Amino acid sequence: IPLPITLISFNGQFTNSSDVQLSWITTNEINMQPYFIERSSDGINFTTIGELNAQGVGSNRADYTMLDKHVQHNLLYYRLRLKEKSGEISYTKTITVSRSKVDRNFIAPNPVNQGNDAMLVLQSSGNNNSVRVSIYTQSGQLISSETKILHNGRNETCISTKQLARGIYTVNVAGESIRGRYRLAVK
């Protein structure tokens, strides 16, 4: 069944041992009621765990995020239930989120409101590990780059968005023991 929106992406990941961050991007939202977020532990029986109002932006892009806190299962299934103002119901594809795929390095909150700070969380297995944290625009233009020294365990680095325009950025982390690329949405 065709969706009443264009779903650009829908994904989720554990941000720690018990919380799952869900995010999705849409365009062509017309005559939409709220998004209902549904979760299942077996992929068959879904329950509604939350709802977010549709931004109703027509052909413009809309970014959404929701944190599902204190989940108990190692494997979870998520989908979005879409309800049009006409009463028509449809569902997105179902995504799978596995605790075994925990990326202990992440950015939160994400998306972040322009002018607020986001936190880049990095796990290090040793002391005095050096990493380069670089922020790029979608077109690949370097916005900032700095070296951070990590200590054993959890490290938090503040990412200020005061100088960033609204949009999508890539945060590149490069070091001896840590490498990764993370998407940062500034709204």
C-alpha atoms as a PDB file:
ATOM      1  CA  ILE A   1       0.000   0.000   0.000  1.00  0.00           C
ATOM      2  CA  PRO A   2       1.526   3.358  -0.941  1.00  0.00           C
ATOM      3  CA  LEU A   3       2.211   5.667   2.011  1.00  0.00           C
ATOM      4  CA  PRO A   4       0.579   9.113   2.259  1.00  0.00           C
ATOM      5  CA  ILE A   5       4.079  10.549   2.785  1.00  0.00           C
ATOM      6  CA  THR A   6       7.517  10.041   1.305  1.00  0.00           C
ATOM      7  CA  LEU A   7       9.578   8.222   3.943  1.00  0.00           C
ATOM      8  CA  ILE A   8      13.233   9.058   3.295  1.00  0.00           C
ATOM      9  CA  SER A   9      14.596   7.059   6.225  1.00  0.00           C
ATOM     10  CA  PHE A  10      13.473   5.283   9.383  1.00  0.00           C
ATOM     11  CA  ASN A  11      15.993   3.791  11.794  1.00  0.00           C
ATOM     12  CA  GLY A  12      16.722   3.094  15.436  1.00  0.00           C
ATOM     13  CA  GLN A  13      19.589   2.169  17.677  1.00  0.00           C
ATOM     14  CA  PHE A  14      20.318   1.547  21.326  1.00  0.00           C
ATOM     15  CA  THR A  15      21.983   4.626  22.804  1.00  0.00           C
ATOM     16  CA  ASN A  16      22.823   2.776  26.018  1.00  0.00           C
ATOM     17  CA  SER A  17      21.873  -0.538  27.599  1.00  0.00           C
ATOM     18  CA  SER A  18      18.157   0.281  27.912  1.00  0.00           C
ATOM     19  CA  ASP A  19      17.147   3.174  25.621  1.00  0.00           C
ATOM     20  CA  VAL A  20      16.426   3.111  21.885  1.00  0.00           C
ATOM     21  CA  GLN A  21      16.531   6.294  19.816  1.00  0.00           C
ATOM     22  CA  LEU A  22      14.227   6.221  16.804  1.00  0.00           C
ATOM     23  CA  SER A  23      14.486   8.739  13.990  1.00  0.00           C
ATOM     24  CA  TRP A  24      12.779   9.230  10.667  1.00  0.00           C
ATOM     25  CA  ILE A  25      12.776  11.765   7.855  1.00  0.00           C
ATOM     26  CA  THR A  26       9.799  12.505   5.596  1.00  0.00           C
ATOM     27  CA  THR A  27       8.629  14.780   2.829  1.00  0.00           C
ATOM     28  CA  ASN A  28       5.254  15.290   1.160  1.00  0.00           C
ATOM     29  CA  GLU A  29       3.248  15.321   4.389  1.00  0.00           C
ATOM     30  CA  ILE A  30      -0.243  16.360   3.439  1.00  0.00           C
ATOM     31  CA  ASN A  31      -3.399  15.826   5.524  1.00  0.00           C
ATOM     32  CA  MET A  32      -1.543  13.781   8.150  1.00  0.00           C
ATOM     33  CA  GLN A  33      -2.576  13.278  11.752  1.00  0.00           C
ATOM     34  CA  PRO A  34       0.053  12.351  14.391  1.00  0.00           C
ATOM     35  CA  TYR A  35       2.577   9.579  13.820  1.00  0.00           C
ATOM     36  CA  PHE A  36       1.957   6.641  16.141  1.00  0.00           C
ATOM     37  CA  ILE A  37       5.142   4.784  17.068  1.00  0.00           C
ATOM     38  CA  GLU A  38       4.619   1.059  17.582  1.00  0.00           C
ATOM     39  CA  ARG A  39       6.925  -1.529  19.169  1.00  0.00           C
ATOM     40  CA  SER A  40       6.929  -5.334  19.182  1.00  0.00           C
ATOM     41  CA  SER A  41       9.129  -7.981  20.754  1.00  0.00           C
ATOM     42  CA  ASP A  42       8.013 -10.699  18.311  1.00  0.00           C
ATOM     43  CA  GLY A  43       7.485  -8.767  15.056  1.00  0.00           C
ATOM     44  CA  ILE A  44       3.783  -9.694  15.005  1.00  0.00           C
ATOM     45  CA  ASN A  45       2.012  -8.091  17.965  1.00  0.00           C
ATOM     46  CA  PHE A  46       2.613  -4.332  18.110  1.00  0.00           C
ATOM     47  CA  THR A  47       1.669  -1.826  20.805  1.00  0.00           C
ATOM     48  CA  THR A  48       1.662   1.951  20.542  1.00  0.00           C
ATOM     49  CA  ILE A  49       4.440   3.485  22.662  1.00  0.00           C
ATOM     50  CA  GLY A  50       4.078   7.117  21.676  1.00  0.00           C
ATOM     51  CA  GLU A  51       2.940   9.670  19.161  1.00  0.00           C
ATOM     52  CA  LEU A  52       4.396  12.761  17.542  1.00  0.00           C
ATOM     53  CA  ASN A  53       2.454  15.410  15.679  1.00  0.00           C
ATOM     54  CA  ALA A  54       3.106  15.545  11.959  1.00  0.00           C
ATOM     55  CA  GLN A  55       4.765  18.793  10.974  1.00  0.00           C
ATOM     56  CA  GLY A  56       2.576  19.019   7.863  1.00  0.00           C
ATOM     57  CA  VAL A  57       5.290  20.578   5.764  1.00  0.00           C
ATOM     58  CA  GLY A  58       4.097  19.497   2.329  1.00  0.00           C
ATOM     59  CA  SER A  59       7.068  18.926   0.072  1.00  0.00           C
ATOM     60  CA  ASN A  60       9.606  20.212   2.627  1.00  0.00           C
ATOM     61  CA  ARG A  61      11.719  17.822   4.666  1.00  0.00           C
ATOM     62  CA  ALA A  62      10.673  16.974   8.243  1.00  0.00           C
ATOM     63  CA  ASP A  63      12.951  15.279  10.798  1.00  0.00           C
ATOM     64  CA  TYR A  64      11.556  13.359  13.772  1.00  0.00           C
ATOM     65  CA  THR A  65      13.108  11.631  16.761  1.00  0.00           C
ATOM     66  CA  MET A  66      11.781   9.744  19.754  1.00  0.00           C
ATOM     67  CA  LEU A  67      13.496   8.021  22.677  1.00  0.00           C
ATOM     68  CA  ASP A  68      12.019   4.690  23.799  1.00  0.00           C
ATOM     69  CA  LYS A  69      13.244   4.377  27.393  1.00  0.00           C
ATOM     70  CA  HIS A  70      13.830   1.358  29.592  1.00  0.00           C
ATOM     71  CA  VAL A  71      13.228  -1.384  27.022  1.00  0.00           C
ATOM     72  CA  GLN A  72      13.595  -4.949  28.287  1.00  0.00           C
ATOM     73  CA  HIS A  73      14.172  -7.082  25.178  1.00  0.00           C
ATOM     74  CA  ASN A  74      17.377  -7.664  23.227  1.00  0.00           C
ATOM     75  CA  LEU A  75      15.584  -7.640  19.859  1.00  0.00           C
ATOM     76  CA  LEU A  76      12.810  -5.161  19.076  1.00  0.00           C
ATOM     77  CA  TYR A  77      10.684  -4.298  16.063  1.00  0.00           C
ATOM     78  CA  TYR A  78       9.379  -0.797  15.343  1.00  0.00           C
ATOM     79  CA  ARG A  79       7.007   0.669  12.787  1.00  0.00           C
ATOM     80  CA  LEU A  80       5.062   3.889  12.287  1.00  0.00           C
ATOM     81  CA  ARG A  81       1.295   3.889  11.976  1.00  0.00           C
ATOM     82  CA  LEU A  82       0.153   6.703   9.707  1.00  0.00           C
ATOM     83  CA  LYS A  83      -3.329   8.114   9.926  1.00  0.00           C
ATOM     84  CA  GLU A  84      -4.620  10.575   7.380  1.00  0.00           C
ATOM     85  CA  LYS A  85      -7.303  13.132   8.226  1.00  0.00           C
ATOM     86  CA  SER A  86      -9.645  11.079   6.046  1.00  0.00           C
ATOM     87  CA  GLY A  87      -9.236   8.186   8.522  1.00  0.00           C
ATOM     88  CA  GLU A  88      -7.125   6.047   6.164  1.00  0.00           C
ATOM     89  CA  ILE A  89      -4.493   3.988   8.070  1.00  0.00           C
ATOM     90  CA  SER A  90      -1.167   2.745   6.687  1.00  0.00           C
ATOM     91  CA  TYR A  91       2.100   1.434   8.127  1.00  0.00           C
ATOM     92  CA  THR A  92       5.755   1.980   7.320  1.00  0.00           C
ATOM     93  CA  LYS A  93       8.197  -0.844   6.886  1.00  0.00           C
ATOM     94  CA  THR A  94       9.155  -2.586  10.138  1.00  0.00           C
ATOM     95  CA  ILE A  95      12.703  -1.998  11.366  1.00  0.00           C
ATOM     96  CA  THR A  96      14.670  -4.228  13.718  1.00  0.00           C
ATOM     97  CA  VAL A  97      16.820  -2.931  16.572  1.00  0.00           C
ATOM     98  CA  SER A  98      19.159  -5.348  18.335  1.00  0.00           C
ATOM     99  CA  ARG A  99      20.923  -4.780  21.638  1.00  0.00           C
ATOM    100  CA  SER A 100      23.900  -6.687  20.234  1.00  0.00           C
ATOM    101  CA  LYS A 101      24.412  -3.811  17.805  1.00  0.00           C
ATOM    102  CA  VAL A 102      24.859  -1.199  20.536  1.00  0.00           C
ATOM    103  CA  ASP A 103      27.083   1.571  19.263  1.00  0.00           C
ATOM    104  CA  ARG A 104      28.477   2.934  22.467  1.00  0.00           C
ATOM    105  CA  ASN A 105      29.554   6.044  20.567  1.00  0.00           C
ATOM    106  CA  PHE A 106      26.694   8.421  19.731  1.00  0.00           C
ATOM    107  CA  ILE A 107      25.419  12.011  19.674  1.00  0.00           C
ATOM    108  CA  ALA A 108      22.499  13.064  21.888  1.00  0.00           C
ATOM    109  CA  PRO A 109      20.141  14.761  21.658  1.00  0.00           C
ATOM    110  CA  ASN A 110      19.876  14.257  17.942  1.00  0.00           C
ATOM    111  CA  PRO A 111      18.276  16.196  16.359  1.00  0.00           C
ATOM    112  CA  VAL A 112      19.227  19.165  18.502  1.00  0.00           C
ATOM    113  CA  ASN A 113      17.604  22.602  18.467  1.00  0.00           C
ATOM    114  CA  GLN A 114      19.792  25.264  16.869  1.00  0.00           C
ATOM    115  CA  GLY A 115      21.636  27.191  19.591  1.00  0.00           C
ATOM    116  CA  ASN A 116      21.603  24.265  22.061  1.00  0.00           C
ATOM    117  CA  ASP A 117      24.465  21.881  22.748  1.00  0.00           C
ATOM    118  CA  ALA A 118      24.629  18.230  21.756  1.00  0.00           C
ATOM    119  CA  MET A 119      26.896  15.718  23.440  1.00  0.00           C
ATOM    120  CA  LEU A 120      29.244  13.413  21.533  1.00  0.00           C
ATOM    121  CA  VAL A 121      29.724  10.315  23.702  1.00  0.00           C
ATOM    122  CA  LEU A 122      32.804   8.205  22.996  1.00  0.00           C
ATOM    123  CA  GLN A 123      33.960   5.033  24.766  1.00  0.00           C
ATOM    124  CA  SER A 124      37.701   4.591  25.071  1.00  0.00           C
ATOM    125  CA  SER A 125      39.599   1.476  26.122  1.00  0.00           C
ATOM    126  CA  GLY A 126      42.691   3.343  27.283  1.00  0.00           C
ATOM    127  CA  ASN A 127      44.041   6.608  28.634  1.00  0.00           C
ATOM    128  CA  ASN A 128      45.406   9.494  26.595  1.00  0.00           C
ATOM    129  CA  ASN A 129      43.937   8.289  23.303  1.00  0.00           C
ATOM    130  CA  SER A 130      43.892  11.131  20.818  1.00  0.00           C
ATOM    131  CA  VAL A 131      40.990  11.577  18.374  1.00  0.00           C
ATOM    132  CA  ARG A 132      40.203  14.227  15.796  1.00  0.00           C
ATOM    133  CA  VAL A 133      36.561  15.392  15.815  1.00  0.00           C
ATOM    134  CA  SER A 134      35.562  17.159  12.594  1.00  0.00           C
ATOM    135  CA  ILE A 135      32.186  18.573  11.566  1.00  0.00           C
ATOM    136  CA  TYR A 136      31.228  18.742   7.886  1.00  0.00           C
ATOM    137  CA  THR A 137      28.240  20.131   5.983  1.00  0.00           C
ATOM    138  CA  GLN A 138      26.252  17.838   3.679  1.00  0.00           C
ATOM    139  CA  SER A 139      28.263  19.174   0.757  1.00  0.00           C
ATOM    140  CA  GLY A 140      31.521  18.158   2.467  1.00  0.00           C
ATOM    141  CA  GLN A 141      32.666  21.601   3.631  1.00  0.00           C
ATOM    142  CA  LEU A 142      34.711  21.434   6.851  1.00  0.00           C
ATOM    143  CA  ILE A 143      33.082  23.553   9.573  1.00  0.00           C
ATOM    144  CA  SER A 144      35.357  22.770  12.523  1.00  0.00           C
ATOM    145  CA  SER A 145      37.998  20.299  13.596  1.00  0.00           C
ATOM    146  CA  GLU A 146      39.684  19.758  16.926  1.00  0.00           C
ATOM    147  CA  THR A 147      41.744  17.133  18.732  1.00  0.00           C
ATOM    148  CA  LYS A 148      40.369  15.568  21.914  1.00  0.00           C
ATOM    149  CA  ILE A 149      42.233  13.461  24.453  1.00  0.00           C
ATOM    150  CA  LEU A 150      40.159  10.536  25.716  1.00  0.00           C
ATOM    151  CA  HIS A 151      40.469   8.740  29.016  1.00  0.00           C
ATOM    152  CA  ASN A 152      39.544   5.149  29.781  1.00  0.00           C
ATOM    153  CA  GLY A 153      35.764   4.668  29.772  1.00  0.00           C
ATOM    154  CA  ARG A 154      33.015   7.090  28.804  1.00  0.00           C
ATOM    155  CA  ASN A 155      34.027  10.496  27.429  1.00  0.00           C
ATOM    156  CA  GLU A 156      31.625  13.332  26.626  1.00  0.00           C
ATOM    157  CA  THR A 157      32.453  16.159  24.249  1.00  0.00           C
ATOM    158  CA  CYS A 158      30.152  19.140  23.848  1.00  0.00           C
ATOM    159  CA  ILE A 159      29.127  20.105  20.311  1.00  0.00           C
ATOM    160  CA  SER A 160      27.869  23.675  20.240  1.00  0.00           C
ATOM    161  CA  THR A 161      25.344  24.499  17.536  1.00  0.00           C
ATOM    162  CA  LYS A 162      25.414  28.259  18.111  1.00  0.00           C
ATOM    163  CA  GLN A 163      27.497  28.749  14.954  1.00  0.00           C
ATOM    164  CA  LEU A 164      25.712  26.047  12.923  1.00  0.00           C
ATOM    165  CA  ALA A 165      22.777  26.789  10.638  1.00  0.00           C
ATOM    166  CA  ARG A 166      19.809  24.459  10.626  1.00  0.00           C
ATOM    167  CA  GLY A 167      20.561  21.347   8.589  1.00  0.00           C
ATOM    168  CA  ILE A 168      22.297  17.986   8.551  1.00  0.00           C
ATOM    169  CA  TYR A 169      25.989  17.620   9.433  1.00  0.00           C
ATOM    170  CA  THR A 170      28.468  14.768   9.528  1.00  0.00           C
ATOM    171  CA  VAL A 171      30.614  14.422  12.633  1.00  0.00           C
ATOM    172  CA  ASN A 172      33.741  12.453  11.789  1.00  0.00           C
ATOM    173  CA  VAL A 173      35.764  10.875  14.606  1.00  0.00           C
ATOM    174  CA  ALA A 174      39.237   9.576  13.703  1.00  0.00           C
ATOM    175  CA  GLY A 175      41.797   8.154  16.098  1.00  0.00           C
ATOM    176  CA  GLU A 176      43.927   5.093  16.740  1.00  0.00           C
ATOM    177  CA  SER A 177      41.243   3.164  18.625  1.00  0.00           C
ATOM    178  CA  ILE A 178      38.051   4.929  17.511  1.00  0.00           C
ATOM    179  CA  ARG A 179      36.737   5.694  14.043  1.00  0.00           C
ATOM    180  CA  GLY A 180      33.218   6.643  13.119  1.00  0.00           C
ATOM    181  CA  ARG A 181      30.869   8.939  11.236  1.00  0.00           C
ATOM    182  CA  TYR A 182      27.755  10.247  12.904  1.00  0.00           C
ATOM    183  CA  ARG A 183      24.867  12.254  11.516  1.00  0.00           C
ATOM    184  CA  LEU A 184      23.894  15.397  13.439  1.00  0.00           C
ATOM    185  CA  ALA A 185      20.588  17.105  12.657  1.00  0.00           C
ATOM    186  CA  VAL A 186      20.245  20.743  13.751  1.00  0.00           C
ATOM    187  CA  LYS A 187      16.675  22.024  13.690  1.00  0.00           C
END
